[in-house]
Amino acid sequence: MAIPIPIILSYKLKTMEPEKKNIPAYRMYFYTFTSLAILTLVEVWLTQIKMPSVLMVGLILAIAVLQAAIVLMYNMHLKFQEKIFAVFIGILSFLILVLIVFTMLDYIYR
């Protein structure tokens, strides 16, 4: 009994190559940790200085998105995956940006 495979999947199965292993060096994890620690210190520093709260919340949210991108790209190894993941990350980043804008608008007009 043969199981029918859609044409797209059958093409992918025929052209599939062995998966390449991208094993990152420990140096990359050190750089990732250092950048996340520095960004966290910048967030703490931003809360200590006197600035309009709308600007502070916007900057802290932007830094949080940057930290999330660093974790996604390096700790979850999405940098080394197929390009379709970049499309999904782009779509999700856009949705996060929309949520941040709505959050800021809600915060401003309360």
N, C-alpha and C. Protein backbone atom coordinates (compact mmCIF):
# COMPACT_ATOMS: atom_id res chain seq x y z
N MET A 1 0.84 -1.17 0.00
CA MET A 1 0.00 0.00 0.00
C MET A 1 0.89 1.24 0.00
N ALA A 2 0.80 2.02 -1.04
CA ALA A 2 1.64 3.20 -1.19
C ALA A 2 0.92 4.41 -0.60
N ILE A 3 1.67 5.23 0.11
CA ILE A 3 1.12 6.45 0.68
C ILE A 3 1.43 7.59 -0.28
N PRO A 4 0.41 8.29 -0.77
CA PRO A 4 0.67 9.38 -1.72
C PRO A 4 1.39 10.54 -1.03
N ILE A 5 2.40 11.06 -1.69
CA ILE A 5 3.17 12.20 -1.19
C ILE A 5 2.91 13.37 -2.13
N PRO A 6 2.56 14.53 -1.61
CA PRO A 6 2.36 15.69 -2.48
C PRO A 6 3.62 15.98 -3.30
N ILE A 7 3.40 16.60 -4.43
CA ILE A 7 4.51 16.86 -5.37
C ILE A 7 5.61 17.68 -4.72
N ILE A 8 5.24 18.69 -3.96
CA ILE A 8 6.25 19.56 -3.34
C ILE A 8 7.11 18.76 -2.37
N LEU A 9 6.47 17.93 -1.57
CA LEU A 9 7.24 17.13 -0.61
C LEU A 9 8.09 16.08 -1.30
N SER A 10 7.57 15.48 -2.38
CA SER A 10 8.36 14.46 -3.06
C SER A 10 9.61 15.09 -3.69
N TYR A 11 9.48 16.31 -4.23
CA TYR A 11 10.65 17.00 -4.77
C TYR A 11 11.66 17.28 -3.66
N LYS A 12 11.17 17.73 -2.52
CA LYS A 12 12.05 18.02 -1.39
C LYS A 12 12.76 16.76 -0.91
N LEU A 13 12.05 15.64 -0.91
CA LEU A 13 12.66 14.40 -0.47
C LEU A 13 13.73 13.93 -1.44
N LYS A 14 13.52 14.15 -2.74
CA LYS A 14 14.50 13.72 -3.73
C LYS A 14 15.76 14.58 -3.69
N THR A 15 15.60 15.87 -3.40
CA THR A 15 16.73 16.79 -3.43
C THR A 15 17.34 17.04 -2.05
N MET A 16 16.87 16.33 -1.07
CA MET A 16 17.32 16.58 0.29
C MET A 16 18.78 16.16 0.46
N GLU A 17 19.56 17.03 1.02
CA GLU A 17 20.96 16.76 1.29
C GLU A 17 21.13 16.47 2.77
N PRO A 18 22.22 15.82 3.12
CA PRO A 18 22.45 15.61 4.55
C PRO A 18 22.54 16.95 5.27
N GLU A 19 22.00 16.98 6.45
CA GLU A 19 21.96 18.22 7.22
C GLU A 19 23.37 18.63 7.62
N LYS A 20 23.67 19.91 7.40
CA LYS A 20 24.97 20.43 7.79
C LYS A 20 24.93 20.80 9.27
N LYS A 21 25.93 20.42 9.97
CA LYS A 21 26.01 20.74 11.40
C LYS A 21 26.80 22.03 11.56
N ASN A 22 26.16 23.02 12.10
CA ASN A 22 26.82 24.29 12.41
C ASN A 22 27.00 24.35 13.92
N ILE A 23 28.14 23.94 14.35
CA ILE A 23 28.43 23.96 15.78
C ILE A 23 29.17 25.25 16.08
N PRO A 24 28.53 26.16 16.78
CA PRO A 24 29.18 27.44 17.06
C PRO A 24 30.29 27.30 18.11
N ALA A 25 31.23 28.20 18.02
CA ALA A 25 32.33 28.21 18.97
C ALA A 25 31.85 28.79 20.30
N TYR A 26 32.56 28.45 21.36
CA TYR A 26 32.22 28.98 22.68
C TYR A 26 32.34 30.50 22.71
N ARG A 27 33.20 31.04 21.86
CA ARG A 27 33.39 32.48 21.78
C ARG A 27 32.07 33.18 21.44
N MET A 28 31.27 32.56 20.55
CA MET A 28 29.99 33.17 20.17
C MET A 28 29.05 33.24 21.37
N TYR A 29 29.05 32.21 22.21
CA TYR A 29 28.20 32.23 23.40
C TYR A 29 28.69 33.29 24.39
N PHE A 30 29.99 33.48 24.47
CA PHE A 30 30.53 34.52 25.34
C PHE A 30 30.10 35.90 24.84
N TYR A 31 30.19 36.12 23.52
CA TYR A 31 29.77 37.40 22.95
C TYR A 31 28.27 37.62 23.16
N THR A 32 27.49 36.57 23.02
CA THR A 32 26.05 36.68 23.23
C THR A 32 25.76 37.05 24.68
N PHE A 33 26.39 36.35 25.61
CA PHE A 33 26.18 36.64 27.03
C PHE A 33 26.62 38.07 27.35
N THR A 34 27.76 38.48 26.83
CA THR A 34 28.27 39.83 27.10
C THR A 34 27.33 40.89 26.55
N SER A 35 26.85 40.69 25.33
CA SER A 35 25.94 41.70 24.76
C SER A 35 24.62 41.75 25.53
N LEU A 36 24.10 40.60 25.96
CA LEU A 36 22.86 40.61 26.74
C LEU A 36 23.08 41.28 28.10
N ALA A 37 24.24 41.05 28.72
CA ALA A 37 24.52 41.68 30.01
C ALA A 37 24.66 43.20 29.85
N ILE A 38 25.34 43.63 28.80
CA ILE A 38 25.50 45.07 28.57
C ILE A 38 24.15 45.73 28.29
N LEU A 39 23.33 45.08 27.48
CA LEU A 39 22.01 45.65 27.20
C LEU A 39 21.14 45.70 28.46
N THR A 40 21.28 44.71 29.33
CA THR A 40 20.54 44.74 30.59
C THR A 40 21.02 45.89 31.47
N LEU A 41 22.32 46.11 31.52
CA LEU A 41 22.85 47.25 32.29
C LEU A 41 22.38 48.58 31.71
N VAL A 42 22.29 48.66 30.38
CA VAL A 42 21.78 49.89 29.76
C VAL A 42 20.31 50.10 30.14
N GLU A 43 19.53 49.03 30.19
CA GLU A 43 18.14 49.16 30.62
C GLU A 43 18.05 49.66 32.06
N VAL A 44 18.87 49.12 32.93
CA VAL A 44 18.86 49.57 34.33
C VAL A 44 19.29 51.03 34.41
N TRP A 45 20.31 51.39 33.64
CA TRP A 45 20.79 52.77 33.63
C TRP A 45 19.70 53.72 33.14
N LEU A 46 18.92 53.30 32.12
CA LEU A 46 17.85 54.16 31.60
C LEU A 46 16.78 54.44 32.65
N THR A 47 16.55 53.47 33.54
CA THR A 47 15.55 53.71 34.57
C THR A 47 16.03 54.68 35.63
N GLN A 48 17.34 54.89 35.73
CA GLN A 48 17.89 55.76 36.76
C GLN A 48 18.00 57.22 36.33
N ILE A 49 18.02 57.47 35.04
CA ILE A 49 18.17 58.86 34.60
C ILE A 49 16.80 59.51 34.42
N LYS A 50 16.78 60.82 34.45
CA LYS A 50 15.54 61.59 34.37
C LYS A 50 15.21 61.83 32.90
N MET A 51 14.11 61.27 32.45
CA MET A 51 13.63 61.48 31.09
C MET A 51 12.13 61.26 31.08
N PRO A 52 11.45 61.72 30.03
CA PRO A 52 10.00 61.47 29.96
C PRO A 52 9.73 59.96 29.97
N SER A 53 8.70 59.58 30.70
CA SER A 53 8.44 58.15 30.87
C SER A 53 8.07 57.48 29.55
N VAL A 54 7.45 58.20 28.63
CA VAL A 54 7.10 57.62 27.33
C VAL A 54 8.36 57.25 26.57
N LEU A 55 9.35 58.14 26.59
CA LEU A 55 10.61 57.87 25.92
C LEU A 55 11.34 56.70 26.58
N MET A 56 11.33 56.66 27.90
CA MET A 56 12.02 55.60 28.62
C MET A 56 11.38 54.24 28.31
N VAL A 57 10.06 54.18 28.33
CA VAL A 57 9.38 52.91 28.04
C VAL A 57 9.66 52.48 26.61
N GLY A 58 9.65 53.41 25.68
CA GLY A 58 9.95 53.09 24.28
C GLY A 58 11.36 52.55 24.10
N LEU A 59 12.32 53.19 24.76
CA LEU A 59 13.71 52.72 24.65
C LEU A 59 13.90 51.34 25.30
N ILE A 60 13.28 51.14 26.44
CA ILE A 60 13.42 49.85 27.11
C ILE A 60 12.75 48.73 26.30
N LEU A 61 11.60 49.02 25.70
CA LEU A 61 10.96 48.03 24.84
C LEU A 61 11.81 47.73 23.60
N ALA A 62 12.43 48.75 23.03
CA ALA A 62 13.29 48.53 21.87
C ALA A 62 14.50 47.67 22.25
N ILE A 63 15.08 47.92 23.41
CA ILE A 63 16.22 47.11 23.87
C ILE A 63 15.76 45.68 24.14
N ALA A 64 14.57 45.51 24.69
CA ALA A 64 14.05 44.16 24.94
C ALA A 64 13.85 43.39 23.63
N VAL A 65 13.39 44.07 22.59
CA VAL A 65 13.24 43.42 21.29
C VAL A 65 14.61 43.03 20.74
N LEU A 66 15.59 43.90 20.91
CA LEU A 66 16.95 43.58 20.47
C LEU A 66 17.50 42.37 21.22
N GLN A 67 17.27 42.31 22.51
CA GLN A 67 17.71 41.16 23.29
C GLN A 67 17.03 39.88 22.83
N ALA A 68 15.74 39.97 22.55
CA ALA A 68 15.02 38.79 22.06
C ALA A 68 15.57 38.33 20.72
N ALA A 69 15.92 39.28 19.86
CA ALA A 69 16.49 38.93 18.55
C ALA A 69 17.84 38.24 18.72
N ILE A 70 18.64 38.71 19.65
CA ILE A 70 19.94 38.08 19.89
C ILE A 70 19.76 36.65 20.37
N VAL A 71 18.83 36.45 21.29
CA VAL A 71 18.58 35.09 21.80
C VAL A 71 18.05 34.20 20.69
N LEU A 72 17.14 34.70 19.88
CA LEU A 72 16.60 33.90 18.78
C LEU A 72 17.67 33.52 17.77
N MET A 73 18.50 34.48 17.41
CA MET A 73 19.47 34.22 16.35
C MET A 73 20.62 33.31 16.80
N TYR A 74 21.11 33.49 17.99
CA TYR A 74 22.31 32.77 18.38
C TYR A 74 22.04 31.60 19.34
N ASN A 75 21.27 31.81 20.38
CA ASN A 75 21.04 30.72 21.32
C ASN A 75 20.11 29.66 20.75
N MET A 76 19.17 30.08 19.90
CA MET A 76 18.26 29.11 19.29
C MET A 76 18.74 28.70 17.89
N HIS A 77 19.89 29.18 17.48
CA HIS A 77 20.56 28.80 16.23
C HIS A 77 19.73 29.09 14.98
N LEU A 78 18.88 30.09 15.02
CA LEU A 78 18.10 30.43 13.84
C LEU A 78 18.94 31.09 12.75
N LYS A 79 20.09 31.59 13.12
CA LYS A 79 20.96 32.22 12.13
C LYS A 79 21.45 31.20 11.11
N PHE A 80 21.55 29.96 11.51
CA PHE A 80 22.10 28.93 10.64
C PHE A 80 21.03 28.09 9.96
N GLN A 81 19.76 28.44 10.11
CA GLN A 81 18.67 27.67 9.53
C GLN A 81 18.32 28.18 8.14
N GLU A 82 17.31 27.55 7.53
CA GLU A 82 16.87 27.94 6.20
C GLU A 82 16.29 29.35 6.22
N LYS A 83 16.21 29.97 5.05
CA LYS A 83 15.75 31.35 4.95
C LYS A 83 14.27 31.52 5.26
N ILE A 84 13.49 30.45 5.19
CA ILE A 84 12.07 30.56 5.49
C ILE A 84 11.86 30.98 6.94
N PHE A 85 12.78 30.57 7.80
CA PHE A 85 12.69 30.99 9.20
C PHE A 85 12.89 32.50 9.32
N ALA A 86 13.74 33.06 8.47
CA ALA A 86 13.95 34.52 8.49
C ALA A 86 12.65 35.24 8.11
N VAL A 87 11.90 34.66 7.18
CA VAL A 87 10.62 35.26 6.79
C VAL A 87 9.66 35.24 7.98
N PHE A 88 9.58 34.09 8.67
CA PHE A 88 8.69 34.01 9.82
C PHE A 88 9.13 34.95 10.94
N ILE A 89 10.42 35.04 11.17
CA ILE A 89 10.93 35.96 12.19
C ILE A 89 10.61 37.40 11.81
N GLY A 90 10.72 37.73 10.52
CA GLY A 90 10.37 39.07 10.07
C GLY A 90 8.90 39.39 10.30
N ILE A 91 8.04 38.42 10.00
CA ILE A 91 6.60 38.62 10.23
C ILE A 91 6.32 38.80 11.72
N LEU A 92 6.93 37.94 12.54
CA LEU A 92 6.72 38.05 13.99
C LEU A 92 7.29 39.35 14.54
N SER A 93 8.43 39.78 14.01
CA SER A 93 9.00 41.06 14.46
C SER A 93 8.07 42.22 14.12
N PHE A 94 7.44 42.15 12.96
CA PHE A 94 6.49 43.19 12.59
C PHE A 94 5.30 43.19 13.55
N LEU A 95 4.81 42.01 13.89
CA LEU A 95 3.69 41.92 14.83
C LEU A 95 4.08 42.43 16.21
N ILE A 96 5.30 42.15 16.64
CA ILE A 96 5.77 42.67 17.92
C ILE A 96 5.86 44.18 17.87
N LEU A 97 6.32 44.72 16.74
CA LEU A 97 6.39 46.18 16.58
C LEU A 97 4.99 46.80 16.67
N VAL A 98 4.02 46.16 16.05
CA VAL A 98 2.63 46.65 16.12
C VAL A 98 2.15 46.63 17.57
N LEU A 99 2.45 45.56 18.30
CA LEU A 99 2.04 45.49 19.70
C LEU A 99 2.72 46.57 20.54
N ILE A 100 3.98 46.84 20.25
CA ILE A 100 4.69 47.88 20.99
C ILE A 100 4.08 49.25 20.69
N VAL A 101 3.74 49.49 19.43
CA VAL A 101 3.13 50.78 19.07
C VAL A 101 1.78 50.93 19.78
N PHE A 102 0.98 49.86 19.79
CA PHE A 102 -0.31 49.93 20.49
C PHE A 102 -0.11 50.14 21.99
N THR A 103 0.90 49.50 22.55
CA THR A 103 1.20 49.68 23.97
C THR A 103 1.59 51.13 24.26
N MET A 104 2.42 51.68 23.39
CA MET A 104 2.84 53.07 23.59
C MET A 104 1.65 54.02 23.45
N LEU A 105 0.78 53.77 22.48
CA LEU A 105 -0.39 54.64 22.30
C LEU A 105 -1.31 54.55 23.51
N ASP A 106 -1.48 53.34 24.04
CA ASP A 106 -2.30 53.18 25.24
C ASP A 106 -1.66 53.90 26.43
N TYR A 107 -0.35 53.82 26.53
CA TYR A 107 0.36 54.44 27.64
C TYR A 107 0.31 55.97 27.53
N ILE A 108 0.40 56.48 26.32
CA ILE A 108 0.41 57.94 26.12
C ILE A 108 -0.96 58.55 26.42
N TYR A 109 -2.01 57.90 25.97
CA TYR A 109 -3.35 58.50 26.04
C TYR A 109 -4.15 58.05 27.25
N ARG A 110 -3.53 57.55 28.27
CA ARG A 110 -4.25 57.21 29.51
C ARG A 110 -4.33 58.41 30.40
